[in-house]
Amino acid sequence: MHPIARSLTVLALAAISSFAQAGTQTPNIDQREAKQQARIAEGAGSGALTAKETQHLEREQARINTVEAKAKADGQVTRKERQKLHAMQDKASHDIQHAKHNGKVAGQ
């Protein structure tokens, strides 16, 4: 496994475990986030994502994590907050798909 992919996989697993320990109120959001992290790791490992694309996608995931943490801070994730998180994840999913299939290859 490529070193970047290995690192991303470890980060994704750490994020999943920290969410599980926090008494997550957003299991669907967390599950989707884990799948997106795995897609990024797979793309980085296969060379379908360049280092710059991987960094951009990771920053996007970090922004989603920040918004989710703020939503959970008061102990209640509202419908509006869930909708925002889903919209952010929709965009991230599209960005991952586009980056993996845009013809750019790592190392070129």
Protein backbone atom coordinates (compact mmCIF):
# COMPACT_ATOMS: atom_id res chain seq x y z
CA MET A 1 0.00 0.00 0.00
CA HIS A 2 1.27 3.47 -0.88
CA PRO A 3 2.52 5.43 2.19
CA ILE A 4 0.03 8.28 1.64
CA ALA A 5 -2.85 5.81 1.35
CA ARG A 6 -1.70 4.04 4.50
CA SER A 7 -1.57 7.34 6.40
CA LEU A 8 -5.00 8.36 5.16
CA THR A 9 -6.45 5.00 6.13
CA VAL A 10 -5.03 5.32 9.64
CA LEU A 11 -6.47 8.85 9.92
CA ALA A 12 -9.88 7.68 8.72
CA LEU A 13 -9.94 4.84 11.25
CA ALA A 14 -8.89 7.21 14.05
CA ALA A 15 -11.67 9.63 13.09
CA ILE A 16 -14.23 6.83 13.06
CA SER A 17 -13.17 5.58 16.47
CA SER A 18 -13.25 9.07 17.99
CA PHE A 19 -16.79 9.59 16.70
CA ALA A 20 -17.87 6.26 18.14
CA GLN A 21 -16.48 7.19 21.53
CA ALA A 22 -18.24 10.57 21.54
CA GLY A 23 -21.75 9.10 21.61
CA THR A 24 -22.44 10.14 18.05
CA GLN A 25 -25.86 11.49 17.16
CA THR A 26 -25.11 11.43 13.46
CA PRO A 27 -24.40 7.81 12.47
CA ASN A 28 -25.40 8.27 8.81
CA ILE A 29 -23.20 11.32 8.45
CA ASP A 30 -20.30 9.55 10.15
CA GLN A 31 -20.70 6.45 7.99
CA ARG A 32 -20.74 8.53 4.83
CA GLU A 33 -17.69 10.45 6.01
CA ALA A 34 -15.81 7.19 6.58
CA LYS A 35 -16.69 6.02 3.06
CA GLN A 36 -15.46 9.29 1.59
CA GLN A 37 -12.20 9.02 3.53
CA ALA A 38 -11.78 5.49 2.16
CA ARG A 39 -12.43 6.75 -1.38
CA ILE A 40 -9.76 9.42 -0.94
CA ALA A 41 -7.29 6.88 0.47
CA GLU A 42 -7.99 4.49 -2.41
CA GLY A 43 -7.49 7.27 -4.96
CA ALA A 44 -4.24 8.38 -3.35
CA GLY A 45 -3.02 4.78 -3.16
CA SER A 46 -3.86 3.98 -6.76
CA GLY A 47 -2.37 7.20 -8.11
CA ALA A 48 -5.75 8.45 -9.38
CA LEU A 49 -5.35 11.47 -7.07
CA THR A 50 -2.35 13.75 -7.14
CA ALA A 51 -0.85 14.93 -3.86
CA LYS A 52 -2.42 18.37 -4.37
CA GLU A 53 -5.86 16.86 -5.05
CA THR A 54 -5.53 14.62 -1.99
CA GLN A 55 -4.63 17.60 0.20
CA HIS A 56 -7.58 19.60 -1.14
CA LEU A 57 -10.01 16.74 -0.48
CA GLU A 58 -8.59 16.16 3.00
CA ARG A 59 -9.03 19.86 3.84
CA GLU A 60 -12.62 19.63 2.61
CA GLN A 61 -13.21 16.65 4.92
CA ALA A 62 -11.65 18.59 7.80
CA ARG A 63 -14.08 21.47 7.19
CA ILE A 64 -16.99 19.02 7.33
CA ASN A 65 -15.60 17.64 10.61
CA THR A 66 -15.41 21.16 12.03
CA VAL A 67 -19.00 21.96 11.08
CA GLU A 68 -20.13 18.63 12.53
CA ALA A 69 -18.27 19.27 15.80
CA LYS A 70 -19.89 22.70 16.10
CA ALA A 71 -23.31 21.18 15.41
CA LYS A 72 -22.75 18.61 18.16
CA ALA A 73 -21.31 21.12 20.65
CA ASP A 74 -24.67 21.95 22.22
CA GLY A 75 -25.69 18.29 22.41
CA GLN A 76 -28.36 18.60 19.71
CA VAL A 77 -27.90 18.38 15.95
CA THR A 78 -30.83 20.23 14.39
CA ARG A 79 -32.50 19.39 11.10
CA LYS A 80 -30.96 22.48 9.52
CA GLU A 81 -27.49 21.45 10.71
CA ARG A 82 -28.01 17.94 9.32
CA GLN A 83 -29.10 19.39 5.98
CA LYS A 84 -25.98 21.55 5.85
CA LEU A 85 -23.77 18.56 6.64
CA HIS A 86 -25.47 16.46 3.96
CA ALA A 87 -25.05 19.27 1.41
CA MET A 88 -21.37 19.57 2.29
CA GLN A 89 -20.95 15.81 1.94
CA ASP A 90 -22.76 15.86 -1.42
CA LYS A 91 -20.29 18.45 -2.68
CA ALA A 92 -17.33 16.52 -1.24
CA SER A 93 -18.53 13.33 -2.91
CA HIS A 94 -18.77 15.13 -6.24
CA ASP A 95 -15.31 16.62 -5.74
CA ILE A 96 -13.83 13.19 -4.98
CA GLN A 97 -15.46 11.69 -8.07
CA HIS A 98 -14.25 14.53 -10.28
CA ALA A 99 -10.69 14.48 -8.91
CA LYS A 100 -10.37 10.71 -9.28
CA HIS A 101 -11.57 10.75 -12.88
CA ASN A 102 -10.12 13.98 -14.28
CA GLY A 103 -7.22 12.30 -16.05
CA LYS A 104 -4.56 13.65 -13.71
CA VAL A 105 -2.27 10.97 -12.33
CA ALA A 106 0.06 11.17 -9.35
CA GLY A 107 3.71 11.42 -10.26
CA GLN A 108 3.23 13.01 -13.66
